[in-house]
N, C-alpha and C. Protein backbone atom coordinates (compact mmCIF):
# COMPACT_ATOMS: atom_id res chain seq x y z
N MET A 1 22.49 -6.15 31.20
CA MET A 1 21.59 -5.99 30.07
C MET A 1 20.29 -6.74 30.36
N SER A 2 19.16 -6.12 30.09
CA SER A 2 17.88 -6.76 30.35
C SER A 2 17.61 -7.82 29.30
N ARG A 3 16.80 -8.79 29.65
CA ARG A 3 16.44 -9.84 28.71
C ARG A 3 15.07 -10.38 29.06
N ILE A 4 14.45 -11.03 28.09
CA ILE A 4 13.13 -11.61 28.28
C ILE A 4 13.31 -13.05 28.73
N THR A 5 12.83 -13.39 29.92
CA THR A 5 12.98 -14.74 30.44
C THR A 5 11.87 -15.63 29.92
N LEU A 6 12.09 -16.94 30.04
CA LEU A 6 11.14 -17.92 29.50
C LEU A 6 9.75 -17.75 30.10
N ASN A 7 9.69 -17.53 31.43
CA ASN A 7 8.40 -17.47 32.11
C ASN A 7 7.62 -16.19 31.81
N SER A 8 8.29 -15.17 31.29
CA SER A 8 7.62 -13.89 31.05
C SER A 8 7.03 -13.78 29.65
N LYS A 9 7.35 -14.73 28.77
CA LYS A 9 6.93 -14.60 27.37
C LYS A 9 5.41 -14.60 27.22
N CYS A 10 4.73 -15.47 27.95
CA CYS A 10 3.27 -15.54 27.86
C CYS A 10 2.63 -14.26 28.40
N ARG A 11 3.25 -13.65 29.38
CA ARG A 11 2.75 -12.39 29.91
C ARG A 11 2.84 -11.28 28.87
N LEU A 12 3.88 -11.33 28.05
CA LEU A 12 4.03 -10.33 26.99
C LEU A 12 2.90 -10.46 25.97
N CYS A 13 2.56 -11.67 25.61
CA CYS A 13 1.46 -11.89 24.67
C CYS A 13 0.14 -11.39 25.26
N ARG A 14 -0.08 -11.68 26.54
CA ARG A 14 -1.31 -11.24 27.19
C ARG A 14 -1.36 -9.72 27.29
N ALA A 15 -0.21 -9.10 27.52
CA ALA A 15 -0.16 -7.64 27.61
C ALA A 15 -0.51 -6.99 26.27
N GLU A 16 -0.12 -7.65 25.17
CA GLU A 16 -0.42 -7.11 23.85
C GLU A 16 -1.80 -7.52 23.36
N GLY A 17 -2.40 -8.52 24.03
CA GLY A 17 -3.73 -8.95 23.63
C GLY A 17 -3.75 -9.85 22.41
N GLN A 18 -2.60 -10.38 22.03
CA GLN A 18 -2.53 -11.28 20.89
C GLN A 18 -1.25 -12.11 20.96
N LYS A 19 -1.22 -13.19 20.17
CA LYS A 19 -0.06 -14.06 20.18
C LYS A 19 1.12 -13.41 19.45
N LEU A 20 2.28 -13.47 20.10
CA LEU A 20 3.52 -12.99 19.48
C LEU A 20 4.40 -14.15 19.06
N TYR A 21 3.94 -15.37 19.33
CA TYR A 21 4.64 -16.61 18.95
C TYR A 21 6.08 -16.61 19.45
N LEU A 22 6.22 -16.42 20.75
CA LEU A 22 7.54 -16.37 21.38
C LEU A 22 7.98 -17.73 21.93
N LYS A 23 7.06 -18.72 21.95
CA LYS A 23 7.39 -20.02 22.53
C LYS A 23 7.26 -21.17 21.55
N GLY A 24 7.31 -20.88 20.27
CA GLY A 24 7.29 -21.96 19.29
C GLY A 24 6.00 -22.77 19.30
N ASP A 25 6.12 -24.11 19.38
CA ASP A 25 4.97 -25.00 19.30
C ASP A 25 3.93 -24.73 20.37
N ARG A 26 4.35 -24.30 21.55
CA ARG A 26 3.42 -24.05 22.64
C ARG A 26 2.37 -23.00 22.25
N CYS A 27 2.77 -22.06 21.41
CA CYS A 27 1.86 -20.99 21.00
C CYS A 27 0.72 -21.52 20.13
N TYR A 28 0.93 -22.68 19.50
CA TYR A 28 -0.10 -23.26 18.63
C TYR A 28 -0.94 -24.32 19.36
N SER A 29 -0.61 -24.58 20.62
CA SER A 29 -1.30 -25.64 21.35
C SER A 29 -2.33 -25.06 22.33
N ALA A 30 -3.07 -25.99 22.95
CA ALA A 30 -4.08 -25.57 23.93
C ALA A 30 -3.46 -25.06 25.22
N LYS A 31 -2.15 -25.23 25.38
CA LYS A 31 -1.46 -24.76 26.58
C LYS A 31 -1.24 -23.24 26.56
N CYS A 32 -1.40 -22.63 25.41
CA CYS A 32 -1.22 -21.18 25.30
C CYS A 32 -2.22 -20.47 26.21
N PRO A 33 -1.76 -19.58 27.11
CA PRO A 33 -2.67 -18.87 28.02
C PRO A 33 -3.76 -18.09 27.30
N LEU A 34 -3.49 -17.60 26.09
CA LEU A 34 -4.52 -16.87 25.36
C LEU A 34 -5.65 -17.79 24.93
N GLU A 35 -5.35 -19.07 24.76
CA GLU A 35 -6.38 -20.05 24.43
C GLU A 35 -7.22 -20.38 25.66
N ARG A 36 -6.57 -20.37 26.82
CA ARG A 36 -7.26 -20.76 28.06
C ARG A 36 -7.93 -19.58 28.77
N LYS A 37 -7.25 -18.42 28.77
CA LYS A 37 -7.73 -17.28 29.54
C LYS A 37 -8.26 -16.14 28.68
N GLY A 38 -7.98 -16.20 27.38
CA GLY A 38 -8.33 -15.09 26.52
C GLY A 38 -7.31 -13.97 26.67
N ALA A 39 -7.58 -12.86 26.04
CA ALA A 39 -6.64 -11.73 26.05
C ALA A 39 -6.81 -10.87 27.30
N VAL A 40 -6.65 -11.50 28.46
CA VAL A 40 -6.73 -10.78 29.73
C VAL A 40 -5.34 -10.30 30.11
N LYS A 41 -5.20 -9.04 30.37
CA LYS A 41 -3.89 -8.49 30.70
C LYS A 41 -3.37 -9.10 31.99
N PRO A 42 -2.06 -9.29 32.11
CA PRO A 42 -1.49 -9.88 33.34
C PRO A 42 -1.63 -8.93 34.52
N GLY A 43 -1.56 -9.49 35.71
CA GLY A 43 -1.66 -8.67 36.91
C GLY A 43 -3.03 -8.79 37.56
N MET A 44 -3.12 -8.36 38.82
CA MET A 44 -4.37 -8.53 39.58
C MET A 44 -5.51 -7.66 39.06
N HIS A 45 -5.19 -6.60 38.30
CA HIS A 45 -6.24 -5.73 37.79
C HIS A 45 -6.48 -5.95 36.29
N GLY A 46 -5.92 -7.01 35.76
CA GLY A 46 -6.00 -7.22 34.32
C GLY A 46 -7.41 -7.42 33.81
N ILE A 47 -8.27 -8.04 34.62
CA ILE A 47 -9.63 -8.35 34.16
C ILE A 47 -10.54 -7.13 34.18
N LYS A 48 -10.13 -6.08 34.90
CA LYS A 48 -10.93 -4.88 34.97
C LYS A 48 -10.86 -4.11 33.66
N ARG A 49 -11.89 -3.35 33.38
CA ARG A 49 -11.90 -2.54 32.18
C ARG A 49 -10.91 -1.40 32.33
N SER A 50 -10.02 -1.29 31.39
CA SER A 50 -9.02 -0.23 31.47
C SER A 50 -9.56 1.08 30.89
N LYS A 51 -8.88 2.16 31.23
CA LYS A 51 -9.28 3.46 30.72
C LYS A 51 -8.98 3.56 29.23
N LYS A 52 -9.67 4.49 28.58
CA LYS A 52 -9.42 4.70 27.16
C LYS A 52 -7.99 5.20 26.98
N PRO A 53 -7.20 4.53 26.14
CA PRO A 53 -5.79 4.93 25.99
C PRO A 53 -5.65 6.28 25.29
N THR A 54 -4.62 6.99 25.63
CA THR A 54 -4.31 8.26 24.97
C THR A 54 -3.59 7.97 23.65
N ASP A 55 -3.41 9.01 22.83
CA ASP A 55 -2.68 8.83 21.58
C ASP A 55 -1.26 8.34 21.86
N TYR A 56 -0.65 8.91 22.90
CA TYR A 56 0.70 8.49 23.28
C TYR A 56 0.71 7.02 23.69
N GLY A 57 -0.31 6.62 24.45
CA GLY A 57 -0.39 5.23 24.90
C GLY A 57 -0.53 4.26 23.74
N ILE A 58 -1.30 4.65 22.73
CA ILE A 58 -1.47 3.80 21.55
C ILE A 58 -0.17 3.67 20.78
N GLN A 59 0.54 4.80 20.65
CA GLN A 59 1.83 4.79 19.95
C GLN A 59 2.86 3.95 20.70
N LEU A 60 2.88 4.12 22.01
CA LEU A 60 3.82 3.35 22.84
C LEU A 60 3.54 1.86 22.74
N ARG A 61 2.24 1.49 22.75
CA ARG A 61 1.86 0.08 22.66
C ARG A 61 2.35 -0.53 21.34
N ALA A 62 2.23 0.23 20.24
CA ALA A 62 2.66 -0.27 18.93
C ALA A 62 4.17 -0.49 18.92
N LYS A 63 4.91 0.44 19.53
CA LYS A 63 6.37 0.31 19.59
C LYS A 63 6.78 -0.89 20.44
N GLN A 64 6.13 -1.05 21.59
CA GLN A 64 6.44 -2.16 22.48
C GLN A 64 6.13 -3.50 21.82
N LYS A 65 5.04 -3.54 21.08
CA LYS A 65 4.67 -4.78 20.39
C LYS A 65 5.75 -5.18 19.39
N ALA A 66 6.24 -4.21 18.61
CA ALA A 66 7.28 -4.50 17.62
C ALA A 66 8.55 -4.99 18.29
N LYS A 67 8.95 -4.33 19.37
CA LYS A 67 10.15 -4.73 20.11
C LYS A 67 10.03 -6.16 20.63
N ARG A 68 8.89 -6.47 21.20
CA ARG A 68 8.69 -7.79 21.79
C ARG A 68 8.58 -8.87 20.73
N LEU A 69 7.94 -8.55 19.63
CA LEU A 69 7.78 -9.51 18.54
C LEU A 69 9.13 -9.94 17.99
N TYR A 70 10.02 -8.97 17.78
CA TYR A 70 11.33 -9.27 17.20
C TYR A 70 12.40 -9.51 18.27
N GLY A 71 12.08 -9.27 19.55
CA GLY A 71 13.04 -9.52 20.62
C GLY A 71 14.18 -8.52 20.61
N ILE A 72 13.85 -7.24 20.40
CA ILE A 72 14.87 -6.19 20.32
C ILE A 72 14.72 -5.25 21.52
N GLN A 73 15.84 -4.85 22.10
CA GLN A 73 15.81 -3.93 23.22
C GLN A 73 15.63 -2.49 22.73
N GLU A 74 15.29 -1.60 23.66
CA GLU A 74 14.93 -0.22 23.31
C GLU A 74 16.02 0.52 22.55
N THR A 75 17.24 0.50 23.07
CA THR A 75 18.34 1.24 22.43
C THR A 75 18.58 0.77 21.01
N GLN A 76 18.57 -0.54 20.82
CA GLN A 76 18.82 -1.09 19.49
C GLN A 76 17.68 -0.75 18.53
N PHE A 77 16.45 -0.79 19.02
CA PHE A 77 15.31 -0.48 18.16
C PHE A 77 15.35 0.98 17.73
N LYS A 78 15.73 1.86 18.66
CA LYS A 78 15.84 3.29 18.32
C LYS A 78 16.97 3.52 17.32
N ASN A 79 18.05 2.75 17.45
CA ASN A 79 19.15 2.86 16.50
C ASN A 79 18.70 2.47 15.09
N TYR A 80 17.84 1.45 15.00
CA TYR A 80 17.29 1.07 13.70
C TYR A 80 16.48 2.24 13.12
N TYR A 81 15.72 2.89 13.98
CA TYR A 81 14.91 4.02 13.53
C TYR A 81 15.80 5.15 13.00
N GLN A 82 16.86 5.46 13.73
CA GLN A 82 17.77 6.53 13.30
C GLN A 82 18.46 6.17 11.99
N LYS A 83 18.81 4.91 11.83
CA LYS A 83 19.45 4.46 10.59
C LYS A 83 18.46 4.53 9.42
N ALA A 84 17.20 4.16 9.68
CA ALA A 84 16.18 4.19 8.64
C ALA A 84 15.92 5.61 8.15
N LYS A 85 16.05 6.59 9.04
CA LYS A 85 15.83 7.99 8.67
C LYS A 85 16.86 8.47 7.65
N LYS A 86 18.06 7.91 7.68
CA LYS A 86 19.14 8.35 6.80
C LYS A 86 19.10 7.65 5.44
N MET A 87 18.23 6.66 5.30
CA MET A 87 18.14 5.91 4.06
C MET A 87 17.13 6.57 3.12
N THR A 88 17.30 6.32 1.82
CA THR A 88 16.33 6.82 0.86
C THR A 88 15.08 5.95 0.91
N GLY A 89 13.95 6.53 0.54
CA GLY A 89 12.70 5.78 0.58
C GLY A 89 11.86 6.12 1.79
N LEU A 90 10.78 5.39 1.97
CA LEU A 90 9.86 5.65 3.08
C LEU A 90 10.46 5.19 4.40
N LEU A 91 10.35 6.03 5.41
CA LEU A 91 10.93 5.73 6.71
C LEU A 91 10.38 4.44 7.30
N GLY A 92 9.07 4.27 7.25
CA GLY A 92 8.46 3.08 7.83
C GLY A 92 8.90 1.80 7.13
N ASP A 93 8.96 1.85 5.80
CA ASP A 93 9.41 0.68 5.04
C ASP A 93 10.86 0.35 5.38
N ASN A 94 11.68 1.38 5.44
CA ASN A 94 13.11 1.17 5.75
C ASN A 94 13.29 0.53 7.12
N LEU A 95 12.53 1.01 8.10
CA LEU A 95 12.64 0.49 9.46
C LEU A 95 12.27 -0.99 9.51
N MET A 96 11.15 -1.35 8.90
CA MET A 96 10.70 -2.74 8.94
C MET A 96 11.67 -3.66 8.19
N ILE A 97 12.22 -3.19 7.08
CA ILE A 97 13.15 -4.01 6.31
C ILE A 97 14.44 -4.24 7.09
N LEU A 98 14.93 -3.21 7.78
CA LEU A 98 16.14 -3.36 8.60
C LEU A 98 15.93 -4.41 9.68
N VAL A 99 14.78 -4.36 10.33
CA VAL A 99 14.48 -5.31 11.41
C VAL A 99 14.30 -6.72 10.84
N GLU A 100 13.64 -6.78 9.69
CA GLU A 100 13.36 -8.08 9.07
C GLU A 100 14.64 -8.78 8.63
N ARG A 101 15.68 -8.03 8.33
CA ARG A 101 16.93 -8.62 7.82
C ARG A 101 17.83 -9.16 8.93
N ARG A 102 17.41 -9.06 10.17
CA ARG A 102 18.21 -9.60 11.27
C ARG A 102 18.40 -11.11 11.08
N LEU A 103 19.57 -11.60 11.47
CA LEU A 103 19.87 -13.01 11.31
C LEU A 103 18.90 -13.89 12.08
N ASP A 104 18.56 -13.52 13.31
CA ASP A 104 17.64 -14.35 14.09
C ASP A 104 16.26 -14.43 13.44
N ASN A 105 15.83 -13.32 12.83
CA ASN A 105 14.54 -13.32 12.15
C ASN A 105 14.58 -14.17 10.89
N ALA A 106 15.67 -14.07 10.13
CA ALA A 106 15.81 -14.86 8.90
C ALA A 106 15.87 -16.35 9.23
N LEU A 107 16.53 -16.69 10.32
CA LEU A 107 16.62 -18.09 10.76
C LEU A 107 15.23 -18.63 11.09
N TYR A 108 14.45 -17.82 11.77
CA TYR A 108 13.08 -18.21 12.14
C TYR A 108 12.19 -18.32 10.91
N LEU A 109 12.21 -17.30 10.05
CA LEU A 109 11.36 -17.31 8.86
C LEU A 109 11.78 -18.40 7.88
N GLY A 110 13.05 -18.78 7.93
CA GLY A 110 13.54 -19.85 7.06
C GLY A 110 13.20 -21.24 7.56
N GLY A 111 12.53 -21.32 8.71
CA GLY A 111 12.09 -22.61 9.23
C GLY A 111 13.16 -23.37 9.99
N LEU A 112 14.25 -22.70 10.37
CA LEU A 112 15.34 -23.38 11.07
C LEU A 112 15.30 -23.13 12.57
N ALA A 113 14.22 -22.58 13.06
CA ALA A 113 14.00 -22.39 14.50
C ALA A 113 12.50 -22.27 14.73
N GLN A 114 12.04 -22.74 15.88
CA GLN A 114 10.62 -22.72 16.17
C GLN A 114 10.11 -21.34 16.56
N SER A 115 10.99 -20.47 16.97
CA SER A 115 10.62 -19.12 17.36
C SER A 115 11.85 -18.22 17.22
N ARG A 116 11.63 -16.92 17.27
CA ARG A 116 12.77 -16.00 17.22
C ARG A 116 13.62 -16.16 18.49
N THR A 117 12.99 -16.52 19.58
CA THR A 117 13.73 -16.75 20.83
C THR A 117 14.68 -17.92 20.68
N GLN A 118 14.19 -19.01 20.10
CA GLN A 118 15.05 -20.17 19.88
C GLN A 118 16.16 -19.84 18.88
N ALA A 119 15.83 -19.03 17.88
CA ALA A 119 16.84 -18.62 16.90
C ALA A 119 17.97 -17.86 17.58
N LYS A 120 17.62 -16.95 18.49
CA LYS A 120 18.65 -16.22 19.24
C LYS A 120 19.53 -17.17 20.04
N GLN A 121 18.90 -18.18 20.62
CA GLN A 121 19.65 -19.16 21.42
C GLN A 121 20.62 -19.95 20.55
N PHE A 122 20.16 -20.41 19.40
CA PHE A 122 21.04 -21.14 18.48
C PHE A 122 22.23 -20.27 18.09
N ILE A 123 21.96 -19.00 17.80
CA ILE A 123 23.03 -18.10 17.34
C ILE A 123 24.02 -17.82 18.46
N SER A 124 23.51 -17.50 19.65
CA SER A 124 24.40 -17.15 20.76
C SER A 124 25.28 -18.32 21.19
N HIS A 125 24.79 -19.56 20.99
CA HIS A 125 25.56 -20.75 21.34
C HIS A 125 26.42 -21.24 20.18
N GLN A 126 26.50 -20.44 19.13
CA GLN A 126 27.36 -20.71 17.98
C GLN A 126 27.01 -21.99 17.23
N HIS A 127 25.71 -22.21 17.06
CA HIS A 127 25.25 -23.36 16.29
C HIS A 127 24.81 -22.96 14.89
N VAL A 128 24.95 -21.68 14.55
CA VAL A 128 24.48 -21.17 13.26
C VAL A 128 25.68 -20.76 12.40
N LEU A 129 25.63 -21.16 11.13
CA LEU A 129 26.69 -20.81 10.20
C LEU A 129 26.11 -19.95 9.07
N VAL A 130 26.82 -18.91 8.70
CA VAL A 130 26.47 -18.08 7.55
C VAL A 130 27.59 -18.22 6.53
N ASN A 131 27.25 -18.78 5.38
CA ASN A 131 28.24 -19.05 4.34
C ASN A 131 29.38 -19.93 4.86
N GLY A 132 29.02 -20.88 5.73
CA GLY A 132 29.99 -21.85 6.24
C GLY A 132 30.79 -21.39 7.44
N GLN A 133 30.57 -20.16 7.88
CA GLN A 133 31.32 -19.63 9.02
C GLN A 133 30.38 -19.41 10.21
N LYS A 134 30.79 -19.84 11.40
CA LYS A 134 29.97 -19.65 12.59
C LYS A 134 29.81 -18.16 12.88
N LEU A 135 28.59 -17.79 13.25
CA LEU A 135 28.30 -16.39 13.55
C LEU A 135 27.40 -16.33 14.77
N ASN A 136 27.80 -15.58 15.78
CA ASN A 136 27.02 -15.52 17.02
C ASN A 136 26.44 -14.13 17.28
N ILE A 137 26.12 -13.41 16.21
CA ILE A 137 25.56 -12.06 16.32
C ILE A 137 24.14 -12.08 15.77
N SER A 138 23.15 -12.04 16.66
CA SER A 138 21.75 -12.12 16.24
C SER A 138 21.33 -10.95 15.36
N SER A 139 21.95 -9.80 15.56
CA SER A 139 21.57 -8.59 14.83
C SER A 139 22.26 -8.48 13.47
N TYR A 140 23.07 -9.46 13.11
CA TYR A 140 23.73 -9.43 11.80
C TYR A 140 22.68 -9.24 10.71
N SER A 141 22.94 -8.33 9.78
CA SER A 141 22.00 -8.03 8.70
C SER A 141 22.33 -8.90 7.49
N VAL A 142 21.44 -9.82 7.17
CA VAL A 142 21.69 -10.75 6.08
C VAL A 142 21.72 -10.04 4.74
N LYS A 143 22.49 -10.59 3.80
CA LYS A 143 22.64 -10.01 2.47
C LYS A 143 22.24 -11.04 1.41
N VAL A 144 21.97 -10.54 0.21
CA VAL A 144 21.61 -11.43 -0.89
C VAL A 144 22.77 -12.39 -1.14
N GLY A 145 22.46 -13.67 -1.21
CA GLY A 145 23.47 -14.70 -1.43
C GLY A 145 23.90 -15.40 -0.17
N ASP A 146 23.60 -14.83 1.00
CA ASP A 146 23.94 -15.48 2.26
C ASP A 146 23.19 -16.81 2.40
N GLU A 147 23.89 -17.84 2.83
CA GLU A 147 23.25 -19.13 3.09
C GLU A 147 23.42 -19.47 4.57
N ILE A 148 22.29 -19.65 5.23
CA ILE A 148 22.27 -19.91 6.67
C ILE A 148 22.03 -21.40 6.90
N THR A 149 22.88 -22.01 7.72
CA THR A 149 22.73 -23.43 8.04
C THR A 149 22.94 -23.65 9.54
N LEU A 150 22.59 -24.84 10.01
CA LEU A 150 22.79 -25.22 11.40
C LEU A 150 23.88 -26.29 11.48
N ASP A 151 24.62 -26.29 12.57
CA ASP A 151 25.68 -27.29 12.69
C ASP A 151 25.10 -28.66 13.04
N LYS A 152 25.92 -29.69 12.91
CA LYS A 152 25.46 -31.07 13.11
C LYS A 152 24.98 -31.33 14.53
N LYS A 153 25.62 -30.67 15.49
CA LYS A 153 25.27 -30.90 16.89
C LYS A 153 23.83 -30.52 17.19
N ILE A 154 23.41 -29.38 16.69
CA ILE A 154 22.05 -28.92 16.97
C ILE A 154 21.04 -29.69 16.12
N LEU A 155 21.44 -30.13 14.92
CA LEU A 155 20.53 -30.89 14.07
C LEU A 155 20.23 -32.25 14.67
N GLN A 156 21.21 -32.87 15.32
CA GLN A 156 20.99 -34.17 15.96
C GLN A 156 19.90 -34.09 17.02
N LYS A 157 19.77 -32.94 17.63
CA LYS A 157 18.82 -32.78 18.73
C LYS A 157 17.47 -32.21 18.28
N TYR A 158 17.50 -31.30 17.30
CA TYR A 158 16.28 -30.56 16.97
C TYR A 158 15.75 -30.77 15.55
N ALA A 159 16.45 -31.49 14.70
CA ALA A 159 16.07 -31.58 13.28
C ALA A 159 14.61 -31.96 13.08
N ASP A 160 14.13 -32.96 13.82
CA ASP A 160 12.77 -33.46 13.62
C ASP A 160 11.70 -32.45 14.05
N PHE A 161 12.09 -31.44 14.82
CA PHE A 161 11.11 -30.49 15.35
C PHE A 161 11.12 -29.14 14.62
N LEU A 162 11.98 -28.99 13.64
CA LEU A 162 12.10 -27.71 12.95
C LEU A 162 10.93 -27.49 11.99
N PRO A 163 10.41 -26.28 11.92
CA PRO A 163 9.27 -25.98 11.04
C PRO A 163 9.51 -26.31 9.57
N VAL A 164 10.78 -26.25 9.11
CA VAL A 164 11.06 -26.49 7.70
C VAL A 164 10.63 -27.88 7.27
N ASN A 165 10.49 -28.81 8.22
CA ASN A 165 10.06 -30.17 7.91
C ASN A 165 8.55 -30.33 7.84
N SER A 166 7.82 -29.31 8.23
CA SER A 166 6.36 -29.39 8.22
C SER A 166 5.80 -29.21 6.81
N LYS A 167 4.75 -29.96 6.51
CA LYS A 167 4.11 -29.84 5.19
C LYS A 167 3.47 -28.47 5.00
N ASP A 168 3.08 -27.85 6.09
CA ASP A 168 2.40 -26.56 6.01
C ASP A 168 3.37 -25.38 6.00
N PHE A 169 4.65 -25.66 6.16
CA PHE A 169 5.61 -24.54 6.24
C PHE A 169 5.84 -23.92 4.87
N LYS A 170 5.91 -22.59 4.87
CA LYS A 170 6.21 -21.85 3.64
C LYS A 170 7.07 -20.65 4.00
N SER A 171 8.23 -20.58 3.44
CA SER A 171 9.13 -19.46 3.73
C SER A 171 8.71 -18.25 2.89
N PRO A 172 9.06 -17.03 3.32
CA PRO A 172 8.74 -15.84 2.53
C PRO A 172 9.48 -15.85 1.20
N ALA A 173 9.04 -14.98 0.28
CA ALA A 173 9.57 -14.99 -1.09
C ALA A 173 11.07 -14.72 -1.15
N TRP A 174 11.61 -14.01 -0.15
CA TRP A 174 13.02 -13.62 -0.22
C TRP A 174 13.96 -14.66 0.41
N ILE A 175 13.39 -15.75 0.92
CA ILE A 175 14.21 -16.81 1.52
C ILE A 175 13.88 -18.15 0.86
N GLU A 176 14.91 -18.86 0.45
CA GLU A 176 14.73 -20.19 -0.15
C GLU A 176 15.19 -21.24 0.86
N SER A 177 14.24 -21.97 1.40
CA SER A 177 14.54 -22.95 2.45
C SER A 177 14.63 -24.36 1.89
N SER A 178 15.49 -25.17 2.51
CA SER A 178 15.66 -26.56 2.10
C SER A 178 15.63 -27.46 3.34
N ASN A 179 14.73 -28.45 3.34
CA ASN A 179 14.69 -29.38 4.47
C ASN A 179 15.61 -30.57 4.25
N LYS A 180 16.31 -30.58 3.13
CA LYS A 180 17.33 -31.61 2.88
C LYS A 180 18.68 -31.17 3.41
N LYS A 181 19.02 -29.90 3.13
CA LYS A 181 20.30 -29.36 3.61
C LYS A 181 20.13 -28.60 4.92
N TYR A 182 18.88 -28.43 5.36
CA TYR A 182 18.59 -27.59 6.53
C TYR A 182 19.28 -26.23 6.37
N SER A 183 18.89 -25.57 5.29
CA SER A 183 19.49 -24.29 4.98
C SER A 183 18.42 -23.28 4.59
N ALA A 184 18.78 -22.01 4.71
CA ALA A 184 17.91 -20.91 4.28
C ALA A 184 18.79 -19.93 3.52
N LYS A 185 18.54 -19.78 2.23
CA LYS A 185 19.35 -18.91 1.39
C LYS A 185 18.60 -17.61 1.10
N ILE A 186 19.30 -16.50 1.25
CA ILE A 186 18.70 -15.19 0.99
C ILE A 186 18.79 -14.91 -0.50
N THR A 187 17.67 -14.96 -1.20
CA THR A 187 17.64 -14.79 -2.65
C THR A 187 17.40 -13.35 -3.06
N SER A 188 16.85 -12.54 -2.15
CA SER A 188 16.63 -11.12 -2.42
C SER A 188 16.42 -10.43 -1.08
N LEU A 189 16.47 -9.13 -1.09
CA LEU A 189 16.17 -8.40 0.13
C LEU A 189 14.67 -8.33 0.32
N PRO A 190 14.19 -8.35 1.55
CA PRO A 190 12.74 -8.32 1.76
C PRO A 190 12.15 -6.98 1.33
N SER A 191 10.96 -7.01 0.79
CA SER A 191 10.22 -5.80 0.47
C SER A 191 9.11 -5.65 1.49
N ILE A 192 8.51 -4.50 1.55
CA ILE A 192 7.46 -4.27 2.54
C ILE A 192 6.28 -5.19 2.30
N GLU A 193 6.08 -5.63 1.04
CA GLU A 193 4.98 -6.55 0.72
C GLU A 193 5.23 -7.94 1.29
N ASP A 194 6.49 -8.27 1.55
CA ASP A 194 6.84 -9.59 2.08
C ASP A 194 6.64 -9.68 3.59
N ILE A 195 6.48 -8.53 4.24
CA ILE A 195 6.45 -8.49 5.70
C ILE A 195 5.00 -8.52 6.19
N ASN A 196 4.68 -9.53 6.99
CA ASN A 196 3.33 -9.70 7.49
C ASN A 196 3.36 -9.88 9.00
N SER A 197 3.95 -8.91 9.69
CA SER A 197 4.14 -9.02 11.13
C SER A 197 3.00 -8.42 11.95
N GLY A 198 2.14 -7.63 11.29
CA GLY A 198 1.06 -6.99 12.03
C GLY A 198 1.50 -5.77 12.81
N VAL A 199 2.72 -5.30 12.58
CA VAL A 199 3.24 -4.11 13.27
C VAL A 199 2.63 -2.86 12.64
N GLU A 200 2.13 -1.96 13.47
CA GLU A 200 1.55 -0.70 12.98
C GLU A 200 2.67 0.34 12.92
N ILE A 201 3.36 0.34 11.81
CA ILE A 201 4.58 1.12 11.68
C ILE A 201 4.33 2.62 11.77
N ASN A 202 3.18 3.10 11.27
CA ASN A 202 2.90 4.54 11.32
C ASN A 202 2.81 5.05 12.75
N LEU A 203 2.28 4.23 13.64
CA LEU A 203 2.20 4.63 15.06
C LEU A 203 3.58 4.70 15.67
N ILE A 204 4.49 3.82 15.25
CA ILE A 204 5.86 3.84 15.77
C ILE A 204 6.58 5.10 15.31
N ILE A 205 6.37 5.47 14.07
CA ILE A 205 6.98 6.69 13.54
C ILE A 205 6.46 7.91 14.30
N GLU A 206 5.15 7.92 14.58
CA GLU A 206 4.56 9.02 15.35
C GLU A 206 5.16 9.09 16.75
N TYR A 207 5.41 7.92 17.33
CA TYR A 207 6.00 7.87 18.68
C TYR A 207 7.38 8.52 18.69
N TYR A 208 8.23 8.13 17.77
CA TYR A 208 9.60 8.66 17.74
C TYR A 208 9.67 10.09 17.19
N SER A 209 8.61 10.55 16.56
CA SER A 209 8.60 11.90 15.99
C SER A 209 8.06 12.94 16.98
N ARG A 210 7.71 12.52 18.16
CA ARG A 210 7.16 13.47 19.14
C ARG A 210 8.15 14.59 19.45
């Protein structure tokens, strides 16, 4: 199974021309390559002016950006699209809400991980509990009433560095975070108004509708 390695994350941001916040605190510091080099595409020809993209290229770029932002592989992302088609309501809204409800995303948005990448790591190493039970499935779809917490082992090492402790941190309306219990409770399902990922969902729908 393919995976995104640590050293390739900055290249993904450069390829998209914007920060995807895949490395936590590093993305906010002067060490971020986009701060030092600007939005220059990776590779020896990155600085050259590229050709005008086709409609297909623009659609593909939007889909790739969404996959990389949420850390989802192609097959799984397409499965979300197929599932969203069978749901009532707008296809684009359904797709984004399904992706947003992933456990790794909720952990990140709840301030219990510095990035979605770190959230996946916490989950895969069984340091995350949902309603008191360990869960190692990043794609688990959170439900109203679910309470997400971290085990004592990971808190001893990372508690002081978690975003939930920052004065500037604010969780989305559908997640209630606590820096005393180090928990994130799902109070409602996310709505499209709660999602501010910058994903151009209409282009993704056009891509899969070809």
